[in-house]
Amino acid sequence: MNQIALTKKTVDHSDTGKFSFSFFCDRCGREWVSEAKPFTGGECTNVTHNEALKLLWANEHRTAFDEANLEARLKFNTCSVCGSKVCDDCFCFGENRQDDVCVDCR
């Protein structure tokens, strides 16, 4: 994965048949796992050339990661002080967005 992940620690669980990623809270390490997306092979049933399959897989992998990374934004909060991406248990909601901080910056 050369794309920039939302959280500091991310694990790629993808294989030849599916794409899935874990994102971890920057503070406590709580894991969120994206829903597995199947490798469709570009919906081509007759692609047999190995290089073509590799290119299709890489393209779908990139798209699946981007989608999971976007969904992770709904699962983690951004500290307004340090910028860490943290789970709800590690986050303190303020009266306005500038007061939203992780428990370490409270």
PDB file of N, CA and C in Angstrom:
ATOM      1  N   MET A   1       0.850  -1.183   0.000  1.00  0.00           N
ATOM      2  CA  MET A   1       0.000   0.000   0.000  1.00  0.00           C
ATOM      3  C   MET A   1       0.888   1.236   0.000  1.00  0.00           C
ATOM      4  N   ASN A   2       0.805   2.026  -1.021  1.00  0.00           N
ATOM      5  CA  ASN A   2       1.566   3.256  -1.028  1.00  0.00           C
ATOM      6  C   ASN A   2       0.674   4.475  -0.849  1.00  0.00           C
ATOM      7  N   GLN A   3      -0.615   4.259  -0.703  1.00  0.00           N
ATOM      8  CA  GLN A   3      -1.524   5.363  -0.428  1.00  0.00           C
ATOM      9  C   GLN A   3      -1.408   5.739   1.045  1.00  0.00           C
ATOM     10  N   ILE A   4      -1.791   6.950   1.365  1.00  0.00           N
ATOM     11  CA  ILE A   4      -1.700   7.418   2.749  1.00  0.00           C
ATOM     12  C   ILE A   4      -2.930   6.948   3.520  1.00  0.00           C
ATOM     13  N   ALA A   5      -2.690   6.193   4.575  1.00  0.00           N
ATOM     14  CA  ALA A   5      -3.771   5.661   5.406  1.00  0.00           C
ATOM     15  C   ALA A   5      -4.214   6.719   6.416  1.00  0.00           C
ATOM     16  N   LEU A   6      -5.473   6.641   6.819  1.00  0.00           N
ATOM     17  CA  LEU A   6      -6.027   7.578   7.788  1.00  0.00           C
ATOM     18  C   LEU A   6      -5.309   7.463   9.131  1.00  0.00           C
ATOM     19  N   THR A   7      -5.125   6.239   9.618  1.00  0.00           N
ATOM     20  CA  THR A   7      -4.500   6.032  10.919  1.00  0.00           C
ATOM     21  C   THR A   7      -3.022   5.683  10.753  1.00  0.00           C
ATOM     22  N   LYS A   8      -2.266   5.830  11.828  1.00  0.00           N
ATOM     23  CA  LYS A   8      -0.828   5.551  11.769  1.00  0.00           C
ATOM     24  C   LYS A   8      -0.546   4.081  11.505  1.00  0.00           C
ATOM     25  N   LYS A   9      -1.389   3.203  12.061  1.00  0.00           N
ATOM     26  CA  LYS A   9      -1.203   1.773  11.849  1.00  0.00           C
ATOM     27  C   LYS A   9      -2.376   1.236  11.032  1.00  0.00           C
ATOM     28  N   THR A  10      -2.043   0.591   9.939  1.00  0.00           N
ATOM     29  CA  THR A  10      -3.028  -0.026   9.058  1.00  0.00           C
ATOM     30  C   THR A  10      -2.464  -1.348   8.586  1.00  0.00           C
ATOM     31  N   VAL A  11      -3.315  -2.355   8.514  1.00  0.00           N
ATOM     32  CA  VAL A  11      -2.887  -3.678   8.050  1.00  0.00           C
ATOM     33  C   VAL A  11      -3.731  -4.067   6.838  1.00  0.00           C
ATOM     34  N   ASP A  12      -3.062  -4.582   5.829  1.00  0.00           N
ATOM     35  CA  ASP A  12      -3.722  -5.033   4.606  1.00  0.00           C
ATOM     36  C   ASP A  12      -3.934  -6.540   4.706  1.00  0.00           C
ATOM     37  N   HIS A  13      -5.194  -6.967   4.710  1.00  0.00           N
ATOM     38  CA  HIS A  13      -5.533  -8.391   4.783  1.00  0.00           C
ATOM     39  C   HIS A  13      -5.906  -8.958   3.417  1.00  0.00           C
ATOM     40  N   SER A  14      -5.693  -8.186   2.363  1.00  0.00           N
ATOM     41  CA  SER A  14      -6.110  -8.588   1.023  1.00  0.00           C
ATOM     42  C   SER A  14      -5.369  -9.830   0.558  1.00  0.00           C
ATOM     43  N   ASP A  15      -6.066 -10.611  -0.269  1.00  0.00           N
ATOM     44  CA  ASP A  15      -5.443 -11.774  -0.908  1.00  0.00           C
ATOM     45  C   ASP A  15      -5.944 -11.833  -2.343  1.00  0.00           C
ATOM     46  N   THR A  16      -5.755 -12.929  -3.009  1.00  0.00           N
ATOM     47  CA  THR A  16      -6.131 -13.023  -4.420  1.00  0.00           C
ATOM     48  C   THR A  16      -7.636 -12.989  -4.646  1.00  0.00           C
ATOM     49  N   GLY A  17      -8.426 -13.222  -3.604  1.00  0.00           N
ATOM     50  CA  GLY A  17      -9.868 -13.278  -3.778  1.00  0.00           C
ATOM     51  C   GLY A  17     -10.657 -12.146  -3.169  1.00  0.00           C
ATOM     52  N   LYS A  18     -10.014 -11.371  -2.262  1.00  0.00           N
ATOM     53  CA  LYS A  18     -10.760 -10.323  -1.565  1.00  0.00           C
ATOM     54  C   LYS A  18      -9.818  -9.219  -1.102  1.00  0.00           C
ATOM     55  N   PHE A  19     -10.429  -8.092  -0.756  1.00  0.00           N
ATOM     56  CA  PHE A  19      -9.694  -6.936  -0.239  1.00  0.00           C
ATOM     57  C   PHE A  19     -10.290  -6.556   1.112  1.00  0.00           C
ATOM     58  N   SER A  20      -9.443  -6.409   2.111  1.00  0.00           N
ATOM     59  CA  SER A  20      -9.881  -6.005   3.437  1.00  0.00           C
ATOM     60  C   SER A  20      -8.711  -5.336   4.154  1.00  0.00           C
ATOM     61  N   PHE A  21      -9.023  -4.377   5.014  1.00  0.00           N
ATOM     62  CA  PHE A  21      -8.000  -3.588   5.691  1.00  0.00           C
ATOM     63  C   PHE A  21      -8.403  -3.337   7.142  1.00  0.00           C
ATOM     64  N   SER A  22      -7.416  -3.287   8.024  1.00  0.00           N
ATOM     65  CA  SER A  22      -7.642  -2.912   9.416  1.00  0.00           C
ATOM     66  C   SER A  22      -7.031  -1.546   9.656  1.00  0.00           C
ATOM     67  N   PHE A  23      -7.758  -0.728  10.399  1.00  0.00           N
ATOM     68  CA  PHE A  23      -7.277   0.574  10.831  1.00  0.00           C
ATOM     69  C   PHE A  23      -7.302   0.552  12.355  1.00  0.00           C
ATOM     70  N   PHE A  24      -6.307   1.159  12.987  1.00  0.00           N
ATOM     71  CA  PHE A  24      -6.169   1.096  14.437  1.00  0.00           C
ATOM     72  C   PHE A  24      -6.157   2.497  15.035  1.00  0.00           C
ATOM     73  N   CYS A  25      -6.844   2.653  16.163  1.00  0.00           N
ATOM     74  CA  CYS A  25      -6.846   3.903  16.907  1.00  0.00           C
ATOM     75  C   CYS A  25      -5.401   4.295  17.195  1.00  0.00           C
ATOM     76  N   ASP A  26      -5.066   5.562  16.909  1.00  0.00           N
ATOM     77  CA  ASP A  26      -3.703   6.036  17.135  1.00  0.00           C
ATOM     78  C   ASP A  26      -3.323   6.041  18.611  1.00  0.00           C
ATOM     79  N   ARG A  27      -4.306   6.021  19.495  1.00  0.00           N
ATOM     80  CA  ARG A  27      -4.006   6.066  20.927  1.00  0.00           C
ATOM     81  C   ARG A  27      -4.032   4.693  21.581  1.00  0.00           C
ATOM     82  N   CYS A  28      -5.158   3.978  21.504  1.00  0.00           N
ATOM     83  CA  CYS A  28      -5.302   2.715  22.243  1.00  0.00           C
ATOM     84  C   CYS A  28      -5.104   1.481  21.375  1.00  0.00           C
ATOM     85  N   GLY A  29      -5.101   1.657  20.062  1.00  0.00           N
ATOM     86  CA  GLY A  29      -4.897   0.519  19.173  1.00  0.00           C
ATOM     87  C   GLY A  29      -6.149  -0.272  18.847  1.00  0.00           C
ATOM     88  N   ARG A  30      -7.319   0.215  19.255  1.00  0.00           N
ATOM     89  CA  ARG A  30      -8.565  -0.498  18.921  1.00  0.00           C
ATOM     90  C   ARG A  30      -8.661  -0.635  17.404  1.00  0.00           C
ATOM     91  N   GLU A  31      -9.011  -1.841  16.978  1.00  0.00           N
ATOM     92  CA  GLU A  31      -9.028  -2.163  15.555  1.00  0.00           C
ATOM     93  C   GLU A  31     -10.429  -2.015  14.962  1.00  0.00           C
ATOM     94  N   TRP A  32     -10.467  -1.464  13.759  1.00  0.00           N
ATOM     95  CA  TRP A  32     -11.671  -1.492  12.937  1.00  0.00           C
ATOM     96  C   TRP A  32     -11.289  -2.149  11.618  1.00  0.00           C
ATOM     97  N   VAL A  33     -12.053  -3.168  11.213  1.00  0.00           N
ATOM     98  CA  VAL A  33     -11.768  -3.915   9.989  1.00  0.00           C
ATOM     99  C   VAL A  33     -12.820  -3.571   8.941  1.00  0.00           C
ATOM    100  N   SER A  34     -12.360  -3.214   7.763  1.00  0.00           N
ATOM    101  CA  SER A  34     -13.289  -2.901   6.683  1.00  0.00           C
ATOM    102  C   SER A  34     -13.988  -4.170   6.203  1.00  0.00           C
ATOM    103  N   GLU A  35     -15.141  -3.982   5.621  1.00  0.00           N
ATOM    104  CA  GLU A  35     -15.861  -5.108   5.047  1.00  0.00           C
ATOM    105  C   GLU A  35     -15.062  -5.657   3.865  1.00  0.00           C
ATOM    106  N   ALA A  36     -14.961  -6.967   3.777  1.00  0.00           N
ATOM    107  CA  ALA A  36     -14.215  -7.593   2.683  1.00  0.00           C
ATOM    108  C   ALA A  36     -14.949  -7.367   1.363  1.00  0.00           C
ATOM    109  N   LYS A  37     -14.192  -6.949   0.374  1.00  0.00           N
ATOM    110  CA  LYS A  37     -14.742  -6.761  -0.980  1.00  0.00           C
ATOM    111  C   LYS A  37     -14.117  -7.820  -1.882  1.00  0.00           C
ATOM    112  N   PRO A  38     -14.911  -8.505  -2.674  1.00  0.00           N
ATOM    113  CA  PRO A  38     -14.357  -9.551  -3.531  1.00  0.00           C
ATOM    114  C   PRO A  38     -13.583  -8.974  -4.718  1.00  0.00           C
ATOM    115  N   PHE A  39     -12.557  -9.690  -5.146  1.00  0.00           N
ATOM    116  CA  PHE A  39     -11.844  -9.354  -6.375  1.00  0.00           C
ATOM    117  C   PHE A  39     -12.698  -9.847  -7.534  1.00  0.00           C
ATOM    118  N   THR A  40     -13.114  -8.921  -8.381  1.00  0.00           N
ATOM    119  CA  THR A  40     -14.008  -9.292  -9.473  1.00  0.00           C
ATOM    120  C   THR A  40     -13.268  -9.568 -10.768  1.00  0.00           C
ATOM    121  N   GLY A  41     -11.993  -9.227 -10.819  1.00  0.00           N
ATOM    122  CA  GLY A  41     -11.244  -9.414 -12.062  1.00  0.00           C
ATOM    123  C   GLY A  41     -11.727  -8.477 -13.136  1.00  0.00           C
ATOM    124  N   GLY A  42     -12.246  -7.339 -12.718  1.00  0.00           N
ATOM    125  CA  GLY A  42     -12.767  -6.384 -13.674  1.00  0.00           C
ATOM    126  C   GLY A  42     -14.020  -6.879 -14.356  1.00  0.00           C
ATOM    127  N   GLU A  43     -14.699  -7.838 -13.716  1.00  0.00           N
ATOM    128  CA  GLU A  43     -15.917  -8.431 -14.264  1.00  0.00           C
ATOM    129  C   GLU A  43     -15.652  -9.187 -15.567  1.00  0.00           C
ATOM    130  N   CYS A  44     -14.381  -9.468 -15.818  1.00  0.00           N
ATOM    131  CA  CYS A  44     -14.024 -10.219 -17.026  1.00  0.00           C
ATOM    132  C   CYS A  44     -13.875 -11.695 -16.664  1.00  0.00           C
ATOM    133  N   THR A  45     -14.653 -12.515 -17.271  1.00  0.00           N
ATOM    134  CA  THR A  45     -14.593 -13.940 -16.954  1.00  0.00           C
ATOM    135  C   THR A  45     -13.573 -14.684 -17.792  1.00  0.00           C
ATOM    136  N   ASN A  46     -13.091 -14.071 -18.866  1.00  0.00           N
ATOM    137  CA  ASN A  46     -12.175 -14.794 -19.739  1.00  0.00           C
ATOM    138  C   ASN A  46     -10.757 -14.234 -19.714  1.00  0.00           C
ATOM    139  N   VAL A  47     -10.410 -13.434 -18.715  1.00  0.00           N
ATOM    140  CA  VAL A  47      -9.048 -12.919 -18.612  1.00  0.00           C
ATOM    141  C   VAL A  47      -8.175 -14.015 -18.026  1.00  0.00           C
ATOM    142  N   THR A  48      -7.213 -14.448 -18.802  1.00  0.00           N
ATOM    143  CA  THR A  48      -6.330 -15.507 -18.334  1.00  0.00           C
ATOM    144  C   THR A  48      -4.877 -15.073 -18.299  1.00  0.00           C
ATOM    145  N   HIS A  49      -4.547 -13.985 -18.951  1.00  0.00           N
ATOM    146  CA  HIS A  49      -3.164 -13.516 -18.968  1.00  0.00           C
ATOM    147  C   HIS A  49      -2.782 -13.025 -17.578  1.00  0.00           C
ATOM    148  N   ASN A  50      -1.725 -13.567 -17.037  1.00  0.00           N
ATOM    149  CA  ASN A  50      -1.311 -13.278 -15.670  1.00  0.00           C
ATOM    150  C   ASN A  50      -1.061 -11.786 -15.436  1.00  0.00           C
ATOM    151  N   GLU A  51      -0.392 -11.120 -16.371  1.00  0.00           N
ATOM    152  CA  GLU A  51      -0.099  -9.696 -16.206  1.00  0.00           C
ATOM    153  C   GLU A  51      -1.389  -8.866 -16.200  1.00  0.00           C
ATOM    154  N   ALA A  52      -2.344  -9.226 -17.034  1.00  0.00           N
ATOM    155  CA  ALA A  52      -3.626  -8.513 -17.055  1.00  0.00           C
ATOM    156  C   ALA A  52      -4.345  -8.677 -15.720  1.00  0.00           C
ATOM    157  N   LEU A  53      -4.335  -9.889 -15.177  1.00  0.00           N
ATOM    158  CA  LEU A  53      -4.966 -10.122 -13.872  1.00  0.00           C
ATOM    159  C   LEU A  53      -4.274  -9.321 -12.775  1.00  0.00           C
ATOM    160  N   LYS A  54      -2.958  -9.223 -12.829  1.00  0.00           N
ATOM    161  CA  LYS A  54      -2.216  -8.444 -11.837  1.00  0.00           C
ATOM    162  C   LYS A  54      -2.608  -6.973 -11.897  1.00  0.00           C
ATOM    163  N   LEU A  55      -2.741  -6.442 -13.112  1.00  0.00           N
ATOM    164  CA  LEU A  55      -3.140  -5.046 -13.267  1.00  0.00           C
ATOM    165  C   LEU A  55      -4.567  -4.815 -12.766  1.00  0.00           C
ATOM    166  N   LEU A  56      -5.465  -5.731 -13.092  1.00  0.00           N
ATOM    167  CA  LEU A  56      -6.837  -5.622 -12.606  1.00  0.00           C
ATOM    168  C   LEU A  56      -6.877  -5.689 -11.085  1.00  0.00           C
ATOM    169  N   TRP A  57      -6.118  -6.626 -10.512  1.00  0.00           N
ATOM    170  CA  TRP A  57      -6.081  -6.778  -9.054  1.00  0.00           C
ATOM    171  C   TRP A  57      -5.547  -5.490  -8.408  1.00  0.00           C
ATOM    172  N   ALA A  58      -4.462  -4.943  -8.950  1.00  0.00           N
ATOM    173  CA  ALA A  58      -3.870  -3.728  -8.383  1.00  0.00           C
ATOM    174  C   ALA A  58      -4.852  -2.559  -8.438  1.00  0.00           C
ATOM    175  N   ASN A  59      -5.574  -2.441  -9.528  1.00  0.00           N
ATOM    176  CA  ASN A  59      -6.551  -1.366  -9.665  1.00  0.00           C
ATOM    177  C   ASN A  59      -7.689  -1.532  -8.660  1.00  0.00           C
ATOM    178  N   GLU A  60      -8.213  -2.736  -8.544  1.00  0.00           N
ATOM    179  CA  GLU A  60      -9.298  -2.981  -7.581  1.00  0.00           C
ATOM    180  C   GLU A  60      -8.805  -2.827  -6.142  1.00  0.00           C
ATOM    181  N   HIS A  61      -7.568  -3.224  -5.884  1.00  0.00           N
ATOM    182  CA  HIS A  61      -6.979  -3.074  -4.547  1.00  0.00           C
ATOM    183  C   HIS A  61      -6.913  -1.604  -4.163  1.00  0.00           C
ATOM    184  N   ARG A  62      -6.445  -0.788  -5.087  1.00  0.00           N
ATOM    185  CA  ARG A  62      -6.339   0.655  -4.845  1.00  0.00           C
ATOM    186  C   ARG A  62      -7.723   1.244  -4.549  1.00  0.00           C
ATOM    187  N   THR A  63      -8.711   0.864  -5.331  1.00  0.00           N
ATOM    188  CA  THR A  63     -10.073   1.359  -5.134  1.00  0.00           C
ATOM    189  C   THR A  63     -10.643   0.889  -3.794  1.00  0.00           C
ATOM    190  N   ALA A  64     -10.434  -0.384  -3.462  1.00  0.00           N
ATOM    191  CA  ALA A  64     -10.930  -0.924  -2.194  1.00  0.00           C
ATOM    192  C   ALA A  64     -10.279  -0.227  -1.009  1.00  0.00           C
ATOM    193  N   PHE A  65      -8.970   0.043  -1.107  1.00  0.00           N
ATOM    194  CA  PHE A  65      -8.287   0.754  -0.025  1.00  0.00           C
ATOM    195  C   PHE A  65      -8.845   2.167   0.125  1.00  0.00           C
ATOM    196  N   ASP A  66      -9.020   2.861  -0.992  1.00  0.00           N
ATOM    197  CA  ASP A  66      -9.563   4.221  -0.930  1.00  0.00           C
ATOM    198  C   ASP A  66     -10.943   4.232  -0.282  1.00  0.00           C
ATOM    199  N   GLU A  67     -11.779   3.263  -0.628  1.00  0.00           N
ATOM    200  CA  GLU A  67     -13.118   3.178  -0.035  1.00  0.00           C
ATOM    201  C   GLU A  67     -13.044   2.875   1.457  1.00  0.00           C
ATOM    202  N   ALA A  68     -12.175   1.946   1.853  1.00  0.00           N
ATOM    203  CA  ALA A  68     -12.026   1.606   3.276  1.00  0.00           C
ATOM    204  C   ALA A  68     -11.460   2.790   4.053  1.00  0.00           C
ATOM    205  N   ASN A  69     -10.493   3.480   3.468  1.00  0.00           N
ATOM    206  CA  ASN A  69      -9.882   4.640   4.108  1.00  0.00           C
ATOM    207  C   ASN A  69     -10.925   5.744   4.314  1.00  0.00           C
ATOM    208  N   LEU A  70     -11.799   5.923   3.342  1.00  0.00           N
ATOM    209  CA  LEU A  70     -12.866   6.906   3.455  1.00  0.00           C
ATOM    210  C   LEU A  70     -13.863   6.499   4.543  1.00  0.00           C
ATOM    211  N   GLU A  71     -14.222   5.219   4.587  1.00  0.00           N
ATOM    212  CA  GLU A  71     -15.146   4.743   5.614  1.00  0.00           C
ATOM    213  C   GLU A  71     -14.525   4.846   7.009  1.00  0.00           C
ATOM    214  N   ALA A  72     -13.212   4.673   7.109  1.00  0.00           N
ATOM    215  CA  ALA A  72     -12.533   4.788   8.405  1.00  0.00           C
ATOM    216  C   ALA A  72     -12.698   6.184   8.990  1.00  0.00           C
ATOM    217  N   ARG A  73     -12.881   7.174   8.149  1.00  0.00           N
ATOM    218  CA  ARG A  73     -13.103   8.548   8.631  1.00  0.00           C
ATOM    219  C   ARG A  73     -14.376   8.648   9.471  1.00  0.00           C
ATOM    220  N   LEU A  74     -15.307   7.726   9.245  1.00  0.00           N
ATOM    221  CA  LEU A  74     -16.538   7.701  10.032  1.00  0.00           C
ATOM    222  C   LEU A  74     -16.346   6.949  11.349  1.00  0.00           C
ATOM    223  N   LYS A  75     -15.284   6.169  11.454  1.00  0.00           N
ATOM    224  CA  LYS A  75     -15.040   5.330  12.624  1.00  0.00           C
ATOM    225  C   LYS A  75     -14.072   5.963  13.617  1.00  0.00           C
ATOM    226  N   PHE A  76     -13.299   6.935  13.165  1.00  0.00           N
ATOM    227  CA  PHE A  76     -12.294   7.572  14.016  1.00  0.00           C
ATOM    228  C   PHE A  76     -12.508   9.080  14.033  1.00  0.00           C
ATOM    229  N   ASN A  77     -12.139   9.685  15.156  1.00  0.00           N
ATOM    230  CA  ASN A  77     -12.257  11.129  15.354  1.00  0.00           C
ATOM    231  C   ASN A  77     -10.882  11.761  15.239  1.00  0.00           C
ATOM    232  N   THR A  78     -10.835  13.021  14.835  1.00  0.00           N
ATOM    233  CA  THR A  78      -9.568  13.732  14.708  1.00  0.00           C
ATOM    234  C   THR A  78      -9.417  14.716  15.853  1.00  0.00           C
ATOM    235  N   CYS A  79      -8.327  14.576  16.599  1.00  0.00           N
ATOM    236  CA  CYS A  79      -8.034  15.502  17.700  1.00  0.00           C
ATOM    237  C   CYS A  79      -7.678  16.865  17.100  1.00  0.00           C
ATOM    238  N   SER A  80      -8.313  17.918  17.601  1.00  0.00           N
ATOM    239  CA  SER A  80      -8.056  19.263  17.077  1.00  0.00           C
ATOM    240  C   SER A  80      -6.709  19.816  17.536  1.00  0.00           C
ATOM    241  N   VAL A  81      -6.069  19.171  18.509  1.00  0.00           N
ATOM    242  CA  VAL A  81      -4.782  19.647  18.995  1.00  0.00           C
ATOM    243  C   VAL A  81      -3.624  18.905  18.325  1.00  0.00           C
ATOM    244  N   CYS A  82      -3.602  17.583  18.444  1.00  0.00           N
ATOM    245  CA  CYS A  82      -2.454  16.816  17.938  1.00  0.00           C
ATOM    246  C   CYS A  82      -2.706  16.159  16.586  1.00  0.00           C
ATOM    247  N   GLY A  83      -3.972  16.118  16.153  1.00  0.00           N
ATOM    248  CA  GLY A  83      -4.292  15.539  14.854  1.00  0.00           C
ATOM    249  C   GLY A  83      -4.415  14.028  14.830  1.00  0.00           C
ATOM    250  N   SER A  84      -4.270  13.369  15.979  1.00  0.00           N
ATOM    251  CA  SER A  84      -4.392  11.912  16.042  1.00  0.00           C
ATOM    252  C   SER A  84      -5.789  11.476  15.632  1.00  0.00           C
ATOM    253  N   LYS A  85      -5.874  10.279  15.062  1.00  0.00           N
ATOM    254  CA  LYS A  85      -7.150   9.670  14.690  1.00  0.00           C
ATOM    255  C   LYS A  85      -7.461   8.633  15.760  1.00  0.00           C
ATOM    256  N   VAL A  86      -8.506   8.885  16.538  1.00  0.00           N
ATOM    257  CA  VAL A  86      -8.783   8.055  17.704  1.00  0.00           C
ATOM    258  C   VAL A  86     -10.233   7.572  17.724  1.00  0.00           C
ATOM    259  N   CYS A  87     -10.455   6.437  18.421  1.00  0.00           N
ATOM    260  CA  CYS A  87     -11.800   5.870  18.573  1.00  0.00           C
ATOM    261  C   CYS A  87     -12.607   6.733  19.543  1.00  0.00           C
ATOM    262  N   ASP A  88     -13.895   6.461  19.640  1.00  0.00           N
ATOM    263  CA  ASP A  88     -14.771   7.240  20.520  1.00  0.00           C
ATOM    264  C   ASP A  88     -14.345   7.165  21.982  1.00  0.00           C
ATOM    265  N   ASP A  89     -13.806   6.013  22.411  1.00  0.00           N
ATOM    266  CA  ASP A  89     -13.387   5.867  23.811  1.00  0.00           C
ATOM    267  C   ASP A  89     -12.185   6.742  24.155  1.00  0.00           C
ATOM    268  N   CYS A  90     -11.419   7.136  23.150  1.00  0.00           N
ATOM    269  CA  CYS A  90     -10.218   7.951  23.368  1.00  0.00           C
ATOM    270  C   CYS A  90     -10.440   9.404  22.969  1.00  0.00           C
ATOM    271  N   PHE A  91     -11.700   9.811  22.877  1.00  0.00           N
ATOM    272  CA  PHE A  91     -12.021  11.137  22.362  1.00  0.00           C
ATOM    273  C   PHE A  91     -12.970  11.868  23.290  1.00  0.00           C
ATOM    274  N   CYS A  92     -12.778  13.150  23.414  1.00  0.00           N
ATOM    275  CA  CYS A  92     -13.643  14.002  24.232  1.00  0.00           C
ATOM    276  C   CYS A  92     -14.291  15.034  23.319  1.00  0.00           C
ATOM    277  N   PHE A  93     -15.613  14.972  23.210  1.00  0.00           N
ATOM    278  CA  PHE A  93     -16.336  15.928  22.379  1.00  0.00           C
ATOM    279  C   PHE A  93     -16.549  17.206  23.164  1.00  0.00           C
ATOM    280  N   GLY A  94     -16.195  18.328  22.567  1.00  0.00           N
ATOM    281  CA  GLY A  94     -16.383  19.630  23.203  1.00  0.00           C
ATOM    282  C   GLY A  94     -17.677  20.273  22.745  1.00  0.00           C
ATOM    283  N   GLU A  95     -17.869  21.512  23.177  1.00  0.00           N
ATOM    284  CA  GLU A  95     -19.078  22.231  22.797  1.00  0.00           C
ATOM    285  C   GLU A  95     -19.027  22.665  21.337  1.00  0.00           C
ATOM    286  N   ASN A  96     -17.833  22.838  20.809  1.00  0.00           N
ATOM    287  CA  ASN A  96     -17.681  23.120  19.380  1.00  0.00           C
ATOM    288  C   ASN A  96     -16.465  22.343  18.869  1.00  0.00           C
ATOM    289  N   ARG A  97     -16.293  22.278  17.571  1.00  0.00           N
ATOM    290  CA  ARG A  97     -15.270  21.407  16.963  1.00  0.00           C
ATOM    291  C   ARG A  97     -13.850  21.717  17.452  1.00  0.00           C
ATOM    292  N   GLN A  98     -13.559  22.957  17.741  1.00  0.00           N
ATOM    293  CA  GLN A  98     -12.224  23.311  18.211  1.00  0.00           C
ATOM    294  C   GLN A  98     -11.917  22.687  19.571  1.00  0.00           C
ATOM    295  N   ASP A  99     -12.961  22.336  20.325  1.00  0.00           N
ATOM    296  CA  ASP A  99     -12.784  21.721  21.648  1.00  0.00           C
ATOM    297  C   ASP A  99     -12.758  20.204  21.604  1.00  0.00           C
ATOM    298  N   ASP A 100     -12.898  19.592  20.423  1.00  0.00           N
ATOM    299  CA  ASP A 100     -12.863  18.142  20.286  1.00  0.00           C
ATOM    300  C   ASP A 100     -11.416  17.680  20.326  1.00  0.00           C
ATOM    301  N   VAL A 101     -11.065  16.933  21.386  1.00  0.00           N
ATOM    302  CA  VAL A 101      -9.667  16.508  21.563  1.00  0.00           C
ATOM    303  C   VAL A 101      -9.603  15.061  22.032  1.00  0.00           C
ATOM    304  N   CYS A 102      -8.440  14.455  21.822  1.00  0.00           N
ATOM    305  CA  CYS A 102      -8.210  13.111  22.358  1.00  0.00           C
ATOM    306  C   CYS A 102      -7.971  13.240  23.862  1.00  0.00           C
ATOM    307  N   VAL A 103      -8.054  12.138  24.556  1.00  0.00           N
ATOM    308  CA  VAL A 103      -7.913  12.192  26.023  1.00  0.00           C
ATOM    309  C   VAL A 103      -6.505  12.621  26.435  1.00  0.00           C
ATOM    310  N   ASP A 104      -5.507  12.409  25.582  1.00  0.00           N
ATOM    311  CA  ASP A 104      -4.151  12.841  25.916  1.00  0.00           C
ATOM    312  C   ASP A 104      -4.002  14.372  25.866  1.00  0.00           C
ATOM    313  N   CYS A 105      -4.778  15.032  25.051  1.00  0.00           N
ATOM    314  CA  CYS A 105      -4.692  16.495  24.902  1.00  0.00           C
ATOM    315  C   CYS A 105      -5.715  17.248  25.747  1.00  0.00           C
ATOM    316  N   ARG A 106      -6.528  16.511  26.454  1.00  0.00           N
ATOM    317  CA  ARG A 106      -7.573  17.117  27.278  1.00  0.00           C
ATOM    318  C   ARG A 106      -6.973  17.983  28.334  1.00  0.00           C
TER     319      ARG A 106
END
